[in-house]
Structures are given as C-alpha cells and as structure tokens.
C-alpha cells in the first residue's frame, strides 16, 4: 500500500495522471517463473492521456518493486465531456 501511495503521488505531482484510484487487498493468481503464485496486491487505476503513456510507464517501472509490474491500457471510448476535458487539462501535454 505504501508503494502504491508513493507511485500515485509521484505521477499526479508530475502531471502524468489526473487521478489515481488505489484499490487495496486485490488477490492475484498468476504464473511466475513456472510457478502458480497467489498474492495480495494493490491495484492502481490511473487516468491519463495517450500522449503521456510513455512517460507514465517509465515512471511506474522506475518506482515499482516488481521486476515486471502490470501496466495495461484501457481506452476510453466514451465519457462525460467535462470529465474527459478535466483529464486533458490536468495532465501535462
């Protein structure tokens, strides 16, 4: 949780994200180095722009303790004009 908080603060302060939701106590089941692992994790949902993705990914990887942190992009096809405008205005272009 502390690492998630630090990453969230860093990306919002650097204007790489408008908002970060922190979802604690996620239970993940995954395969790593040939073994099935079960771990408690914290999920970050980061709202940003397409243009900021490369810098955002680099920053997350730099500050994350995992060798391969999860970094996936879910495209926003629709949304409130006001909310999408707020994201664009909040993120450094």
N, C-alpha and C. Protein backbone atom coordinates (compact mmCIF):
# COMPACT_ATOMS: atom_id res chain seq x y z
N UNK A 1 0.82 -1.20 0.00
CA UNK A 1 0.00 0.00 0.00
C UNK A 1 0.87 1.27 0.00
N UNK A 2 1.93 1.23 0.77
CA UNK A 2 2.82 2.41 0.82
C UNK A 2 3.44 2.68 -0.54
N UNK A 3 3.85 1.63 -1.22
CA UNK A 3 4.43 1.79 -2.56
C UNK A 3 3.38 2.34 -3.52
N UNK A 4 2.17 1.85 -3.45
CA UNK A 4 1.08 2.33 -4.31
C UNK A 4 0.83 3.82 -4.06
N UNK A 5 0.82 4.21 -2.81
CA UNK A 5 0.63 5.63 -2.46
C UNK A 5 1.74 6.50 -3.04
N UNK A 6 2.98 6.02 -2.91
CA UNK A 6 4.12 6.78 -3.44
C UNK A 6 4.04 6.94 -4.95
N UNK A 7 3.72 5.86 -5.64
CA UNK A 7 3.61 5.92 -7.10
C UNK A 7 2.47 6.85 -7.51
N UNK A 8 1.33 6.73 -6.85
CA UNK A 8 0.18 7.59 -7.16
C UNK A 8 0.53 9.06 -6.97
N UNK A 9 1.13 9.38 -5.84
CA UNK A 9 1.53 10.77 -5.57
C UNK A 9 2.50 11.28 -6.64
N UNK A 10 3.48 10.44 -6.97
CA UNK A 10 4.51 10.83 -7.94
C UNK A 10 3.90 11.16 -9.30
N UNK A 11 3.03 10.29 -9.83
CA UNK A 11 2.51 10.50 -11.18
C UNK A 11 1.52 11.67 -11.25
N UNK A 12 0.80 11.91 -10.16
CA UNK A 12 -0.10 13.07 -10.16
C UNK A 12 0.71 14.36 -10.00
N UNK A 13 1.69 14.36 -9.12
CA UNK A 13 2.54 15.55 -8.94
C UNK A 13 3.28 15.91 -10.21
N UNK A 14 3.74 14.89 -10.96
CA UNK A 14 4.48 15.14 -12.20
C UNK A 14 3.54 15.43 -13.38
N UNK A 15 2.24 15.49 -13.12
CA UNK A 15 1.21 15.76 -14.14
C UNK A 15 1.21 14.69 -15.24
N UNK A 16 1.54 13.46 -14.86
CA UNK A 16 1.45 12.34 -15.79
C UNK A 16 0.08 11.67 -15.69
N UNK A 17 -0.67 12.02 -14.66
CA UNK A 17 -2.01 11.49 -14.44
C UNK A 17 -2.88 12.55 -13.79
N UNK A 18 -4.16 12.53 -14.12
CA UNK A 18 -5.10 13.45 -13.49
C UNK A 18 -5.57 12.89 -12.16
N UNK A 19 -5.68 11.56 -12.08
CA UNK A 19 -6.24 10.91 -10.90
C UNK A 19 -5.73 9.48 -10.85
N UNK A 20 -5.54 8.98 -9.63
CA UNK A 20 -5.19 7.57 -9.43
C UNK A 20 -6.11 7.01 -8.36
N UNK A 21 -6.84 5.95 -8.70
CA UNK A 21 -7.63 5.23 -7.71
C UNK A 21 -6.78 4.09 -7.18
N UNK A 22 -6.77 3.92 -5.86
CA UNK A 22 -5.99 2.87 -5.22
C UNK A 22 -6.97 1.85 -4.65
N UNK A 23 -6.90 0.63 -5.19
CA UNK A 23 -7.78 -0.44 -4.75
C UNK A 23 -6.96 -1.46 -3.97
N UNK A 24 -7.03 -1.43 -2.63
CA UNK A 24 -6.22 -2.33 -1.81
C UNK A 24 -6.83 -3.74 -1.75
N UNK A 25 -6.04 -4.65 -1.26
CA UNK A 25 -6.48 -6.02 -0.97
C UNK A 25 -6.98 -6.79 -2.19
N UNK A 26 -6.33 -6.58 -3.32
CA UNK A 26 -6.63 -7.37 -4.51
C UNK A 26 -5.93 -8.72 -4.33
N UNK A 27 -6.58 -9.79 -4.68
CA UNK A 27 -5.97 -11.12 -4.60
C UNK A 27 -5.67 -11.56 -6.03
N UNK A 28 -4.41 -11.76 -6.32
CA UNK A 28 -3.98 -12.12 -7.67
C UNK A 28 -3.48 -13.56 -7.70
N UNK A 29 -3.87 -14.27 -8.75
CA UNK A 29 -3.37 -15.61 -9.03
C UNK A 29 -2.69 -15.52 -10.39
N UNK A 30 -1.41 -15.85 -10.45
CA UNK A 30 -0.67 -15.68 -11.70
C UNK A 30 0.48 -16.68 -11.78
N UNK A 31 1.01 -16.84 -12.96
CA UNK A 31 2.15 -17.72 -13.16
C UNK A 31 3.41 -16.86 -13.23
N UNK A 32 4.43 -17.22 -12.45
CA UNK A 32 5.70 -16.51 -12.46
C UNK A 32 6.83 -17.52 -12.32
N UNK A 33 7.73 -17.49 -13.27
CA UNK A 33 8.90 -18.37 -13.30
C UNK A 33 8.50 -19.84 -13.11
N UNK A 34 7.43 -20.25 -13.82
CA UNK A 34 7.00 -21.64 -13.83
C UNK A 34 6.14 -22.07 -12.65
N UNK A 35 5.85 -21.15 -11.73
CA UNK A 35 5.04 -21.49 -10.56
C UNK A 35 3.76 -20.67 -10.56
N UNK A 36 2.68 -21.26 -10.02
CA UNK A 36 1.44 -20.52 -9.82
C UNK A 36 1.54 -19.82 -8.47
N UNK A 37 1.36 -18.52 -8.49
CA UNK A 37 1.51 -17.70 -7.30
C UNK A 37 0.14 -17.13 -6.90
N UNK A 38 -0.05 -16.95 -5.61
CA UNK A 38 -1.24 -16.28 -5.08
C UNK A 38 -0.74 -15.21 -4.13
N UNK A 39 -1.07 -13.96 -4.42
CA UNK A 39 -0.55 -12.85 -3.63
C UNK A 39 -1.63 -11.79 -3.39
N UNK A 40 -1.48 -11.07 -2.30
CA UNK A 40 -2.28 -9.86 -2.07
C UNK A 40 -1.54 -8.72 -2.75
N UNK A 41 -2.28 -7.92 -3.51
CA UNK A 41 -1.66 -6.79 -4.20
C UNK A 41 -2.57 -5.57 -4.07
N UNK A 42 -2.06 -4.45 -4.52
CA UNK A 42 -2.83 -3.21 -4.58
C UNK A 42 -2.87 -2.78 -6.03
N UNK A 43 -4.07 -2.50 -6.53
CA UNK A 43 -4.26 -2.13 -7.93
C UNK A 43 -4.40 -0.61 -8.05
N UNK A 44 -3.68 -0.04 -9.00
CA UNK A 44 -3.82 1.39 -9.30
C UNK A 44 -4.57 1.53 -10.62
N UNK A 45 -5.58 2.39 -10.63
CA UNK A 45 -6.29 2.75 -11.86
C UNK A 45 -5.93 4.21 -12.11
N UNK A 46 -5.20 4.43 -13.19
CA UNK A 46 -4.62 5.75 -13.47
C UNK A 46 -5.33 6.38 -14.66
N UNK A 47 -5.81 7.60 -14.49
CA UNK A 47 -6.46 8.33 -15.58
C UNK A 47 -5.45 9.29 -16.19
N UNK A 48 -5.19 9.11 -17.49
CA UNK A 48 -4.19 9.93 -18.16
C UNK A 48 -4.56 10.08 -19.63
N UNK A 49 -3.66 10.65 -20.40
CA UNK A 49 -3.87 10.82 -21.84
C UNK A 49 -2.95 9.87 -22.60
N UNK A 50 -3.30 9.62 -23.84
CA UNK A 50 -2.48 8.75 -24.68
C UNK A 50 -1.06 9.29 -24.82
N UNK A 51 -0.94 10.59 -24.93
CA UNK A 51 0.36 11.22 -25.12
C UNK A 51 1.29 11.03 -23.91
N UNK A 52 0.71 10.89 -22.72
CA UNK A 52 1.52 10.77 -21.50
C UNK A 52 1.89 9.33 -21.16
N UNK A 53 1.37 8.37 -21.91
CA UNK A 53 1.62 6.95 -21.59
C UNK A 53 3.09 6.57 -21.52
N UNK A 54 3.93 6.95 -22.48
CA UNK A 54 5.35 6.53 -22.39
C UNK A 54 6.04 7.02 -21.12
N UNK A 55 5.84 8.28 -20.76
CA UNK A 55 6.47 8.82 -19.54
C UNK A 55 5.86 8.19 -18.30
N UNK A 56 4.56 7.95 -18.32
CA UNK A 56 3.88 7.33 -17.19
C UNK A 56 4.42 5.92 -16.96
N UNK A 57 4.52 5.14 -18.02
CA UNK A 57 5.03 3.77 -17.89
C UNK A 57 6.46 3.76 -17.36
N UNK A 58 7.29 4.63 -17.87
CA UNK A 58 8.68 4.71 -17.42
C UNK A 58 8.75 5.06 -15.93
N UNK A 59 7.92 5.99 -15.50
CA UNK A 59 7.90 6.40 -14.10
C UNK A 59 7.41 5.27 -13.20
N UNK A 60 6.34 4.59 -13.61
CA UNK A 60 5.83 3.47 -12.81
C UNK A 60 6.89 2.39 -12.67
N UNK A 61 7.52 2.02 -13.77
CA UNK A 61 8.55 0.97 -13.73
C UNK A 61 9.73 1.38 -12.85
N UNK A 62 10.10 2.64 -12.89
CA UNK A 62 11.23 3.12 -12.11
C UNK A 62 10.96 3.04 -10.61
N UNK A 63 9.71 3.24 -10.21
CA UNK A 63 9.38 3.32 -8.78
C UNK A 63 8.69 2.07 -8.23
N UNK A 64 8.50 1.07 -9.07
CA UNK A 64 7.80 -0.15 -8.66
C UNK A 64 8.82 -1.22 -8.28
N UNK A 65 8.49 -2.00 -7.26
CA UNK A 65 9.42 -3.02 -6.78
C UNK A 65 9.38 -4.31 -7.62
N UNK A 66 8.32 -4.51 -8.41
CA UNK A 66 8.24 -5.72 -9.23
C UNK A 66 9.18 -5.64 -10.42
N UNK A 67 9.72 -6.77 -10.80
CA UNK A 67 10.55 -6.86 -12.00
C UNK A 67 9.70 -6.53 -13.23
N UNK A 68 8.46 -7.02 -13.25
CA UNK A 68 7.53 -6.78 -14.36
C UNK A 68 6.19 -6.30 -13.78
N UNK A 69 6.07 -5.01 -13.48
CA UNK A 69 4.79 -4.54 -12.94
C UNK A 69 3.70 -4.57 -14.02
N UNK A 70 2.48 -4.77 -13.58
CA UNK A 70 1.35 -4.75 -14.51
C UNK A 70 1.17 -3.32 -15.03
N UNK A 71 1.14 -3.19 -16.34
CA UNK A 71 0.89 -1.89 -16.96
C UNK A 71 0.07 -2.17 -18.21
N UNK A 72 -1.23 -2.00 -18.12
CA UNK A 72 -2.12 -2.22 -19.25
C UNK A 72 -2.92 -0.94 -19.49
N UNK A 73 -3.35 -0.76 -20.72
CA UNK A 73 -4.09 0.44 -21.09
C UNK A 73 -5.49 0.04 -21.53
N UNK A 74 -6.48 0.69 -20.94
CA UNK A 74 -7.87 0.51 -21.33
C UNK A 74 -8.32 1.83 -21.94
N UNK A 75 -8.64 1.81 -23.21
CA UNK A 75 -9.02 3.01 -23.93
C UNK A 75 -10.41 3.48 -23.49
N UNK A 76 -10.53 4.78 -23.32
CA UNK A 76 -11.82 5.38 -23.01
C UNK A 76 -12.50 5.72 -24.33
N UNK A 77 -13.56 5.00 -24.67
CA UNK A 77 -14.29 5.28 -25.91
C UNK A 77 -15.33 6.39 -25.74
N UNK A 78 -15.90 6.46 -24.57
CA UNK A 78 -16.94 7.44 -24.28
C UNK A 78 -16.77 7.92 -22.85
N UNK A 79 -17.29 9.10 -22.58
CA UNK A 79 -17.26 9.62 -21.22
C UNK A 79 -17.84 11.01 -21.19
N UNK A 80 -18.07 11.50 -20.01
CA UNK A 80 -18.57 12.86 -19.82
C UNK A 80 -17.57 13.84 -20.43
N UNK A 81 -18.06 14.74 -21.25
CA UNK A 81 -17.17 15.74 -21.87
C UNK A 81 -16.39 16.51 -20.81
N UNK A 82 -17.08 16.89 -19.74
CA UNK A 82 -16.43 17.67 -18.68
C UNK A 82 -15.32 16.86 -18.01
N UNK A 83 -15.56 15.58 -17.75
CA UNK A 83 -14.56 14.74 -17.09
C UNK A 83 -13.36 14.50 -18.00
N UNK A 84 -13.61 14.21 -19.25
CA UNK A 84 -12.50 13.98 -20.19
C UNK A 84 -11.69 15.25 -20.41
N UNK A 85 -12.36 16.38 -20.41
CA UNK A 85 -11.66 17.67 -20.54
C UNK A 85 -10.78 17.90 -19.30
N UNK A 86 -11.31 17.58 -18.12
CA UNK A 86 -10.56 17.73 -16.88
C UNK A 86 -9.29 16.87 -16.91
N UNK A 87 -9.40 15.64 -17.40
CA UNK A 87 -8.21 14.78 -17.51
C UNK A 87 -7.18 15.45 -18.41
N UNK A 88 -7.61 15.90 -19.58
CA UNK A 88 -6.69 16.55 -20.52
C UNK A 88 -6.03 17.79 -19.93
N UNK A 89 -6.80 18.58 -19.19
CA UNK A 89 -6.27 19.79 -18.60
C UNK A 89 -5.34 19.52 -17.42
N UNK A 90 -5.53 18.38 -16.76
CA UNK A 90 -4.76 18.05 -15.57
C UNK A 90 -3.43 17.38 -15.89
N UNK A 91 -3.33 16.82 -17.10
CA UNK A 91 -2.13 16.09 -17.49
C UNK A 91 -1.27 16.98 -18.37
N UNK A 92 0.03 16.96 -18.11
CA UNK A 92 0.97 17.77 -18.90
C UNK A 92 0.96 17.28 -20.35
N UNK A 93 0.83 18.21 -21.26
CA UNK A 93 0.82 17.81 -22.67
C UNK A 93 2.17 18.02 -23.32
